[in-house]
Amino acid sequence: MTQYQRGYRFEREVMQKLAEKGYFVIRAAGSHGIFDIIAIKNIDVRGVQCKVSGKISKDELSKMKETGEKYGILPILAWKDKAGIWMEVVE
């Protein structure tokens, strides 16, 4: 399985978890943008960056925070390990 395939599969898993929690979920396919997924529930808007390894640069984290503040989006980093899928607010 290629790195792209692993990333795509992981994004789908994260989307499923958010949908199960009642979020309307949109995937920004191939965007290479700040957020891979946008999840909306009532007035709660979350921008999710999915990293299978959990490794992300300081620059990416900074851009997530800036964009979140500018547009009222809660920036979330999602990653995976042997215990499961984790999502954490970027502060």
PDB file of N, CA and C in Angstrom:
ATOM      1  N   MET A   1       0.851  -1.180   0.000  1.00  0.00           N
ATOM      2  CA  MET A   1       0.000   0.000   0.000  1.00  0.00           C
ATOM      3  C   MET A   1       0.898   1.245   0.000  1.00  0.00           C
ATOM      4  N   THR A   2       0.580   2.193  -0.866  1.00  0.00           N
ATOM      5  CA  THR A   2       1.377   3.411  -0.965  1.00  0.00           C
ATOM      6  C   THR A   2       1.047   4.364   0.179  1.00  0.00           C
ATOM      7  N   GLN A   3       1.902   5.360   0.355  1.00  0.00           N
ATOM      8  CA  GLN A   3       1.665   6.379   1.382  1.00  0.00           C
ATOM      9  C   GLN A   3       0.352   7.122   1.090  1.00  0.00           C
ATOM     10  N   TYR A   4       0.095   7.407  -0.188  1.00  0.00           N
ATOM     11  CA  TYR A   4      -1.148   8.078  -0.564  1.00  0.00           C
ATOM     12  C   TYR A   4      -2.358   7.232  -0.164  1.00  0.00           C
ATOM     13  N   GLN A   5      -2.291   5.936  -0.426  1.00  0.00           N
ATOM     14  CA  GLN A   5      -3.405   5.044  -0.090  1.00  0.00           C
ATOM     15  C   GLN A   5      -3.627   4.979   1.425  1.00  0.00           C
ATOM     16  N   ARG A   6      -2.533   4.935   2.183  1.00  0.00           N
ATOM     17  CA  ARG A   6      -2.655   4.922   3.653  1.00  0.00           C
ATOM     18  C   ARG A   6      -3.307   6.213   4.141  1.00  0.00           C
ATOM     19  N   GLY A   7      -2.879   7.344   3.561  1.00  0.00           N
ATOM     20  CA  GLY A   7      -3.450   8.631   3.944  1.00  0.00           C
ATOM     21  C   GLY A   7      -4.918   8.728   3.596  1.00  0.00           C
ATOM     22  N   TYR A   8      -5.279   8.273   2.399  1.00  0.00           N
ATOM     23  CA  TYR A   8      -6.673   8.298   1.947  1.00  0.00           C
ATOM     24  C   TYR A   8      -7.545   7.444   2.867  1.00  0.00           C
ATOM     25  N   ARG A   9      -7.066   6.246   3.173  1.00  0.00           N
ATOM     26  CA  ARG A   9      -7.816   5.342   4.059  1.00  0.00           C
ATOM     27  C   ARG A   9      -7.989   5.970   5.445  1.00  0.00           C
ATOM     28  N   PHE A  10      -6.918   6.585   5.936  1.00  0.00           N
ATOM     29  CA  PHE A  10      -6.990   7.218   7.253  1.00  0.00           C
ATOM     30  C   PHE A  10      -7.995   8.371   7.255  1.00  0.00           C
ATOM     31  N   GLU A  11      -7.975   9.197   6.226  1.00  0.00           N
ATOM     32  CA  GLU A  11      -8.948  10.294   6.130  1.00  0.00           C
ATOM     33  C   GLU A  11     -10.372   9.757   6.164  1.00  0.00           C
ATOM     34  N   ARG A  12     -10.617   8.667   5.465  1.00  0.00           N
ATOM     35  CA  ARG A  12     -11.954   8.052   5.453  1.00  0.00           C
ATOM     36  C   ARG A  12     -12.343   7.560   6.849  1.00  0.00           C
ATOM     37  N   GLU A  13     -11.392   7.001   7.580  1.00  0.00           N
ATOM     38  CA  GLU A  13     -11.668   6.543   8.949  1.00  0.00           C
ATOM     39  C   GLU A  13     -12.038   7.721   9.850  1.00  0.00           C
ATOM     40  N   VAL A  14     -11.299   8.813   9.716  1.00  0.00           N
ATOM     41  CA  VAL A  14     -11.581  10.011  10.519  1.00  0.00           C
ATOM     42  C   VAL A  14     -12.947  10.566  10.149  1.00  0.00           C
ATOM     43  N   MET A  15     -13.259  10.608   8.870  1.00  0.00           N
ATOM     44  CA  MET A  15     -14.572  11.093   8.428  1.00  0.00           C
ATOM     45  C   MET A  15     -15.689  10.252   9.043  1.00  0.00           C
ATOM     46  N   GLN A  16     -15.497   8.943   9.062  1.00  0.00           N
ATOM     47  CA  GLN A  16     -16.506   8.043   9.631  1.00  0.00           C
ATOM     48  C   GLN A  16     -16.717   8.330  11.112  1.00  0.00           C
ATOM     49  N   LYS A  17     -15.631   8.515  11.852  1.00  0.00           N
ATOM     50  CA  LYS A  17     -15.745   8.811  13.292  1.00  0.00           C
ATOM     51  C   LYS A  17     -16.522  10.108  13.524  1.00  0.00           C
ATOM     52  N   LEU A  18     -16.228  11.124  12.730  1.00  0.00           N
ATOM     53  CA  LEU A  18     -16.921  12.403  12.884  1.00  0.00           C
ATOM     54  C   LEU A  18     -18.397  12.283  12.493  1.00  0.00           C
ATOM     55  N   ALA A  19     -18.674  11.561  11.420  1.00  0.00           N
ATOM     56  CA  ALA A  19     -20.065  11.359  10.984  1.00  0.00           C
ATOM     57  C   ALA A  19     -20.865  10.624  12.055  1.00  0.00           C
ATOM     58  N   GLU A  20     -20.233   9.666  12.720  1.00  0.00           N
ATOM     59  CA  GLU A  20     -20.907   8.929  13.795  1.00  0.00           C
ATOM     60  C   GLU A  20     -21.261   9.841  14.968  1.00  0.00           C
ATOM     61  N   LYS A  21     -20.533  10.950  15.098  1.00  0.00           N
ATOM     62  CA  LYS A  21     -20.799  11.916  16.168  1.00  0.00           C
ATOM     63  C   LYS A  21     -21.770  13.007  15.709  1.00  0.00           C
ATOM     64  N   GLY A  22     -22.340  12.832  14.515  1.00  0.00           N
ATOM     65  CA  GLY A  22     -23.365  13.750  14.032  1.00  0.00           C
ATOM     66  C   GLY A  22     -22.870  14.915  13.198  1.00  0.00           C
ATOM     67  N   TYR A  23     -21.616  14.887  12.772  1.00  0.00           N
ATOM     68  CA  TYR A  23     -21.068  15.964  11.948  1.00  0.00           C
ATOM     69  C   TYR A  23     -21.375  15.724  10.475  1.00  0.00           C
ATOM     70  N   PHE A  24     -21.618  16.794   9.743  1.00  0.00           N
ATOM     71  CA  PHE A  24     -21.649  16.780   8.291  1.00  0.00           C
ATOM     72  C   PHE A  24     -20.190  16.924   7.881  1.00  0.00           C
ATOM     73  N   VAL A  25     -19.693  16.003   7.078  1.00  0.00           N
ATOM     74  CA  VAL A  25     -18.255  15.935   6.817  1.00  0.00           C
ATOM     75  C   VAL A  25     -17.958  16.101   5.328  1.00  0.00           C
ATOM     76  N   ILE A  26     -16.975  16.942   5.028  1.00  0.00           N
ATOM     77  CA  ILE A  26     -16.531  17.189   3.652  1.00  0.00           C
ATOM     78  C   ILE A  26     -15.029  16.920   3.590  1.00  0.00           C
ATOM     79  N   ARG A  27     -14.609  16.160   2.585  1.00  0.00           N
ATOM     80  CA  ARG A  27     -13.182  15.903   2.388  1.00  0.00           C
ATOM     81  C   ARG A  27     -12.677  16.789   1.258  1.00  0.00           C
ATOM     82  N   ALA A  28     -11.572  17.478   1.511  1.00  0.00           N
ATOM     83  CA  ALA A  28     -10.943  18.321   0.483  1.00  0.00           C
ATOM     84  C   ALA A  28      -9.938  17.449  -0.267  1.00  0.00           C
ATOM     85  N   ALA A  29     -10.425  16.676  -1.219  1.00  0.00           N
ATOM     86  CA  ALA A  29      -9.609  15.679  -1.921  1.00  0.00           C
ATOM     87  C   ALA A  29      -8.421  16.296  -2.645  1.00  0.00           C
ATOM     88  N   GLY A  30      -7.248  15.798  -2.326  1.00  0.00           N
ATOM     89  CA  GLY A  30      -6.037  16.209  -3.028  1.00  0.00           C
ATOM     90  C   GLY A  30      -5.701  17.680  -2.920  1.00  0.00           C
ATOM     91  N   SER A  31      -6.234  18.339  -1.905  1.00  0.00           N
ATOM     92  CA  SER A  31      -6.065  19.785  -1.814  1.00  0.00           C
ATOM     93  C   SER A  31      -4.658  20.203  -1.394  1.00  0.00           C
ATOM     94  N   HIS A  32      -4.002  19.385  -0.605  1.00  0.00           N
ATOM     95  CA  HIS A  32      -2.716  19.746  -0.006  1.00  0.00           C
ATOM     96  C   HIS A  32      -2.835  21.091   0.709  1.00  0.00           C
ATOM     97  N   GLY A  33      -4.019  21.370   1.202  1.00  0.00           N
ATOM     98  CA  GLY A  33      -4.289  22.624   1.895  1.00  0.00           C
ATOM     99  C   GLY A  33      -4.104  22.484   3.390  1.00  0.00           C
ATOM    100  N   ILE A  34      -4.610  23.449   4.093  1.00  0.00           N
ATOM    101  CA  ILE A  34      -4.453  23.482   5.543  1.00  0.00           C
ATOM    102  C   ILE A  34      -5.245  22.373   6.212  1.00  0.00           C
ATOM    103  N   PHE A  35      -6.475  22.140   5.742  1.00  0.00           N
ATOM    104  CA  PHE A  35      -7.318  21.102   6.335  1.00  0.00           C
ATOM    105  C   PHE A  35      -7.669  20.045   5.292  1.00  0.00           C
ATOM    106  N   ASP A  36      -7.632  18.783   5.708  1.00  0.00           N
ATOM    107  CA  ASP A  36      -8.034  17.680   4.840  1.00  0.00           C
ATOM    108  C   ASP A  36      -9.547  17.478   4.890  1.00  0.00           C
ATOM    109  N   ILE A  37     -10.122  17.789   6.043  1.00  0.00           N
ATOM    110  CA  ILE A  37     -11.538  17.534   6.287  1.00  0.00           C
ATOM    111  C   ILE A  37     -12.146  18.745   6.980  1.00  0.00           C
ATOM    112  N   ILE A  38     -13.365  19.089   6.583  1.00  0.00           N
ATOM    113  CA  ILE A  38     -14.159  20.090   7.298  1.00  0.00           C
ATOM    114  C   ILE A  38     -15.370  19.348   7.856  1.00  0.00           C
ATOM    115  N   ALA A  39     -15.625  19.509   9.150  1.00  0.00           N
ATOM    116  CA  ALA A  39     -16.748  18.847   9.813  1.00  0.00           C
ATOM    117  C   ALA A  39     -17.618  19.918  10.468  1.00  0.00           C
ATOM    118  N   ILE A  40     -18.927  19.845  10.219  1.00  0.00           N
ATOM    119  CA  ILE A  40     -19.853  20.865  10.700  1.00  0.00           C
ATOM    120  C   ILE A  40     -20.996  20.206  11.463  1.00  0.00           C
ATOM    121  N   LYS A  41     -21.287  20.759  12.626  1.00  0.00           N
ATOM    122  CA  LYS A  41     -22.418  20.303  13.439  1.00  0.00           C
ATOM    123  C   LYS A  41     -22.975  21.528  14.138  1.00  0.00           C
ATOM    124  N   ASN A  42     -24.172  21.953  13.721  1.00  0.00           N
ATOM    125  CA  ASN A  42     -24.784  23.188  14.213  1.00  0.00           C
ATOM    126  C   ASN A  42     -23.836  24.353  13.922  1.00  0.00           C
ATOM    127  N   ILE A  43     -23.346  25.037  14.961  1.00  0.00           N
ATOM    128  CA  ILE A  43     -22.409  26.144  14.725  1.00  0.00           C
ATOM    129  C   ILE A  43     -20.956  25.733  14.981  1.00  0.00           C
ATOM    130  N   ASP A  44     -20.745  24.464  15.282  1.00  0.00           N
ATOM    131  CA  ASP A  44     -19.404  23.927  15.533  1.00  0.00           C
ATOM    132  C   ASP A  44     -18.763  23.535  14.204  1.00  0.00           C
ATOM    133  N   VAL A  45     -17.702  24.243  13.810  1.00  0.00           N
ATOM    134  CA  VAL A  45     -16.985  23.940  12.569  1.00  0.00           C
ATOM    135  C   VAL A  45     -15.561  23.535  12.930  1.00  0.00           C
ATOM    136  N   ARG A  46     -15.172  22.362  12.464  1.00  0.00           N
ATOM    137  CA  ARG A  46     -13.838  21.831  12.743  1.00  0.00           C
ATOM    138  C   ARG A  46     -13.078  21.610  11.446  1.00  0.00           C
ATOM    139  N   GLY A  47     -11.829  22.044  11.442  1.00  0.00           N
ATOM    140  CA  GLY A  47     -10.932  21.788  10.325  1.00  0.00           C
ATOM    141  C   GLY A  47      -9.931  20.746  10.769  1.00  0.00           C
ATOM    142  N   VAL A  48      -9.884  19.628  10.098  1.00  0.00           N
ATOM    143  CA  VAL A  48      -9.054  18.503  10.533  1.00  0.00           C
ATOM    144  C   VAL A  48      -7.912  18.269   9.544  1.00  0.00           C
ATOM    145  N   GLN A  49      -6.711  18.216  10.062  1.00  0.00           N
ATOM    146  CA  GLN A  49      -5.528  17.840   9.297  1.00  0.00           C
ATOM    147  C   GLN A  49      -5.185  16.416   9.736  1.00  0.00           C
ATOM    148  N   CYS A  50      -5.171  15.487   8.804  1.00  0.00           N
ATOM    149  CA  CYS A  50      -4.912  14.080   9.098  1.00  0.00           C
ATOM    150  C   CYS A  50      -3.457  13.734   8.804  1.00  0.00           C
ATOM    151  N   LYS A  51      -2.788  13.201   9.796  1.00  0.00           N
ATOM    152  CA  LYS A  51      -1.403  12.762   9.641  1.00  0.00           C
ATOM    153  C   LYS A  51      -1.306  11.365  10.246  1.00  0.00           C
ATOM    154  N   VAL A  52      -1.134  10.365   9.423  1.00  0.00           N
ATOM    155  CA  VAL A  52      -1.086   8.989   9.919  1.00  0.00           C
ATOM    156  C   VAL A  52      -0.058   8.877  11.044  1.00  0.00           C
ATOM    157  N   SER A  53       1.099   9.479  10.863  1.00  0.00           N
ATOM    158  CA  SER A  53       2.183   9.396  11.845  1.00  0.00           C
ATOM    159  C   SER A  53       2.024  10.377  12.997  1.00  0.00           C
ATOM    160  N   GLY A  54       1.201  11.402  12.801  1.00  0.00           N
ATOM    161  CA  GLY A  54       1.061  12.448  13.814  1.00  0.00           C
ATOM    162  C   GLY A  54       2.121  13.525  13.694  1.00  0.00           C
ATOM    163  N   LYS A  55       3.061  13.365  12.767  1.00  0.00           N
ATOM    164  CA  LYS A  55       4.133  14.343  12.597  1.00  0.00           C
ATOM    165  C   LYS A  55       3.652  15.487  11.717  1.00  0.00           C
ATOM    166  N   ILE A  56       3.850  16.697  12.223  1.00  0.00           N
ATOM    167  CA  ILE A  56       3.428  17.892  11.496  1.00  0.00           C
ATOM    168  C   ILE A  56       4.418  19.013  11.810  1.00  0.00           C
ATOM    169  N   SER A  57       4.692  19.843  10.842  1.00  0.00           N
ATOM    170  CA  SER A  57       5.672  20.912  11.036  1.00  0.00           C
ATOM    171  C   SER A  57       5.079  22.054  11.869  1.00  0.00           C
ATOM    172  N   LYS A  58       5.946  22.829  12.462  1.00  0.00           N
ATOM    173  CA  LYS A  58       5.506  24.006  13.224  1.00  0.00           C
ATOM    174  C   LYS A  58       4.799  24.996  12.314  1.00  0.00           C
ATOM    175  N   ASP A  59       5.270  25.092  11.074  1.00  0.00           N
ATOM    176  CA  ASP A  59       4.656  25.995  10.102  1.00  0.00           C
ATOM    177  C   ASP A  59       3.211  25.571   9.810  1.00  0.00           C
ATOM    178  N   GLU A  60       2.995  24.266   9.623  1.00  0.00           N
ATOM    179  CA  GLU A  60       1.634  23.771   9.376  1.00  0.00           C
ATOM    180  C   GLU A  60       0.726  24.033  10.577  1.00  0.00           C
ATOM    181  N   LEU A  61       1.249  23.792  11.773  1.00  0.00           N
ATOM    182  CA  LEU A  61       0.468  24.052  12.983  1.00  0.00           C
ATOM    183  C   LEU A  61       0.095  25.523  13.094  1.00  0.00           C
ATOM    184  N   SER A  62       1.049  26.390  12.790  1.00  0.00           N
ATOM    185  CA  SER A  62       0.810  27.829  12.843  1.00  0.00           C
ATOM    186  C   SER A  62      -0.277  28.233  11.848  1.00  0.00           C
ATOM    187  N   LYS A  63      -0.207  27.703  10.629  1.00  0.00           N
ATOM    188  CA  LYS A  63      -1.206  28.013   9.608  1.00  0.00           C
ATOM    189  C   LYS A  63      -2.589  27.509  10.017  1.00  0.00           C
ATOM    190  N   MET A  64      -2.647  26.343  10.649  1.00  0.00           N
ATOM    191  CA  MET A  64      -3.924  25.816  11.128  1.00  0.00           C
ATOM    192  C   MET A  64      -4.537  26.753  12.163  1.00  0.00           C
ATOM    193  N   LYS A  65      -3.713  27.196  13.109  1.00  0.00           N
ATOM    194  CA  LYS A  65      -4.207  28.109  14.155  1.00  0.00           C
ATOM    195  C   LYS A  65      -4.668  29.431  13.564  1.00  0.00           C
ATOM    196  N   GLU A  66      -3.867  30.007  12.685  1.00  0.00           N
ATOM    197  CA  GLU A  66      -4.213  31.297  12.055  1.00  0.00           C
ATOM    198  C   GLU A  66      -5.523  31.201  11.279  1.00  0.00           C
ATOM    199  N   THR A  67      -5.651  30.163  10.491  1.00  0.00           N
ATOM    200  CA  THR A  67      -6.860  29.984   9.688  1.00  0.00           C
ATOM    201  C   THR A  67      -8.070  29.758  10.593  1.00  0.00           C
ATOM    202  N   GLY A  68      -7.878  28.973  11.617  1.00  0.00           N
ATOM    203  CA  GLY A  68      -8.956  28.726  12.569  1.00  0.00           C
ATOM    204  C   GLY A  68      -9.456  29.997  13.216  1.00  0.00           C
ATOM    205  N   GLU A  69      -8.528  30.840  13.652  1.00  0.00           N
ATOM    206  CA  GLU A  69      -8.902  32.103  14.284  1.00  0.00           C
ATOM    207  C   GLU A  69      -9.589  33.033  13.295  1.00  0.00           C
ATOM    208  N   LYS A  70      -9.084  33.088  12.074  1.00  0.00           N
ATOM    209  CA  LYS A  70      -9.624  33.995  11.066  1.00  0.00           C
ATOM    210  C   LYS A  70     -11.056  33.631  10.671  1.00  0.00           C
ATOM    211  N   TYR A  71     -11.364  32.335  10.564  1.00  0.00           N
ATOM    212  CA  TYR A  71     -12.662  31.902  10.052  1.00  0.00           C
ATOM    213  C   TYR A  71     -13.565  31.227  11.093  1.00  0.00           C
ATOM    214  N   GLY A  72     -13.142  31.208  12.335  1.00  0.00           N
ATOM    215  CA  GLY A  72     -13.966  30.593  13.372  1.00  0.00           C
ATOM    216  C   GLY A  72     -14.030  29.077  13.258  1.00  0.00           C
ATOM    217  N   ILE A  73     -12.902  28.473  12.871  1.00  0.00           N
ATOM    218  CA  ILE A  73     -12.806  27.018  12.713  1.00  0.00           C
ATOM    219  C   ILE A  73     -11.920  26.467  13.825  1.00  0.00           C
ATOM    220  N   LEU A  74     -12.391  25.408  14.482  1.00  0.00           N
ATOM    221  CA  LEU A  74     -11.574  24.758  15.501  1.00  0.00           C
ATOM    222  C   LEU A  74     -10.576  23.847  14.800  1.00  0.00           C
ATOM    223  N   PRO A  75      -9.259  24.147  14.885  1.00  0.00           N
ATOM    224  CA  PRO A  75      -8.261  23.328  14.182  1.00  0.00           C
ATOM    225  C   PRO A  75      -7.957  22.045  14.969  1.00  0.00           C
ATOM    226  N   ILE A  76      -8.034  20.927  14.261  1.00  0.00           N
ATOM    227  CA  ILE A  76      -7.839  19.615  14.880  1.00  0.00           C
ATOM    228  C   ILE A  76      -6.742  18.857  14.134  1.00  0.00           C
ATOM    229  N   LEU A  77      -5.854  18.220  14.882  1.00  0.00           N
ATOM    230  CA  LEU A  77      -4.872  17.312  14.301  1.00  0.00           C
ATOM    231  C   LEU A  77      -5.328  15.894  14.616  1.00  0.00           C
ATOM    232  N   ALA A  78      -5.447  15.060  13.584  1.00  0.00           N
ATOM    233  CA  ALA A  78      -5.821  13.658  13.767  1.00  0.00           C
ATOM    234  C   ALA A  78      -4.628  12.782  13.402  1.00  0.00           C
ATOM    235  N   TRP A  79      -4.391  11.738  14.200  1.00  0.00           N
ATOM    236  CA  TRP A  79      -3.329  10.804  13.908  1.00  0.00           C
ATOM    237  C   TRP A  79      -3.744   9.420  14.397  1.00  0.00           C
ATOM    238  N   LYS A  80      -2.930   8.441  14.055  1.00  0.00           N
ATOM    239  CA  LYS A  80      -3.275   7.057  14.346  1.00  0.00           C
ATOM    240  C   LYS A  80      -2.081   6.344  14.956  1.00  0.00           C
ATOM    241  N   ASP A  81      -2.363   5.480  15.922  1.00  0.00           N
ATOM    242  CA  ASP A  81      -1.334   4.588  16.430  1.00  0.00           C
ATOM    243  C   ASP A  81      -1.987   3.232  16.696  1.00  0.00           C
ATOM    244  N   LYS A  82      -1.269   2.330  17.327  1.00  0.00           N
ATOM    245  CA  LYS A  82      -1.800   0.984  17.556  1.00  0.00           C
ATOM    246  C   LYS A  82      -3.049   0.984  18.432  1.00  0.00           C
ATOM    247  N   ALA A  83      -3.202   2.014  19.257  1.00  0.00           N
ATOM    248  CA  ALA A  83      -4.361   2.097  20.158  1.00  0.00           C
ATOM    249  C   ALA A  83      -5.605   2.646  19.468  1.00  0.00           C
ATOM    250  N   GLY A  84      -5.439   3.300  18.319  1.00  0.00           N
ATOM    251  CA  GLY A  84      -6.602   3.821  17.612  1.00  0.00           C
ATOM    252  C   GLY A  84      -6.349   5.168  16.965  1.00  0.00           C
ATOM    253  N   ILE A  85      -7.447   5.870  16.720  1.00  0.00           N
ATOM    254  CA  ILE A  85      -7.403   7.194  16.095  1.00  0.00           C
ATOM    255  C   ILE A  85      -7.540   8.251  17.184  1.00  0.00           C
ATOM    256  N   TRP A  86      -6.707   9.267  17.088  1.00  0.00           N
ATOM    257  CA  TRP A  86      -6.698  10.355  18.068  1.00  0.00           C
ATOM    258  C   TRP A  86      -6.957  11.676  17.371  1.00  0.00           C
ATOM    259  N   MET A  87      -7.683  12.556  18.032  1.00  0.00           N
ATOM    260  CA  MET A  87      -7.927  13.906  17.513  1.00  0.00           C
ATOM    261  C   MET A  87      -7.711  14.884  18.649  1.00  0.00           C
ATOM    262  N   GLU A  88      -6.919  15.915  18.360  1.00  0.00           N
ATOM    263  CA  GLU A  88      -6.572  16.893  19.390  1.00  0.00           C
ATOM    264  C   GLU A  88      -6.654  18.301  18.805  1.00  0.00           C
ATOM    265  N   VAL A  89      -7.195  19.208  19.610  1.00  0.00           N
ATOM    266  CA  VAL A  89      -7.278  20.615  19.207  1.00  0.00           C
ATOM    267  C   VAL A  89      -5.869  21.192  19.160  1.00  0.00           C
ATOM    268  N   VAL A  90      -5.567  21.932  18.109  1.00  0.00           N
ATOM    269  CA  VAL A  90      -4.277  22.597  17.962  1.00  0.00           C
ATOM    270  C   VAL A  90      -4.354  23.927  18.705  1.00  0.00           C
ATOM    271  N   GLU A  91      -3.507  24.086  19.712  1.00  0.00           N
ATOM    272  CA  GLU A  91      -3.522  25.327  20.508  1.00  0.00           C
ATOM    273  C   GLU A  91      -2.206  26.051  20.406  1.00  0.00           C
TER     274      GLU A  91
END
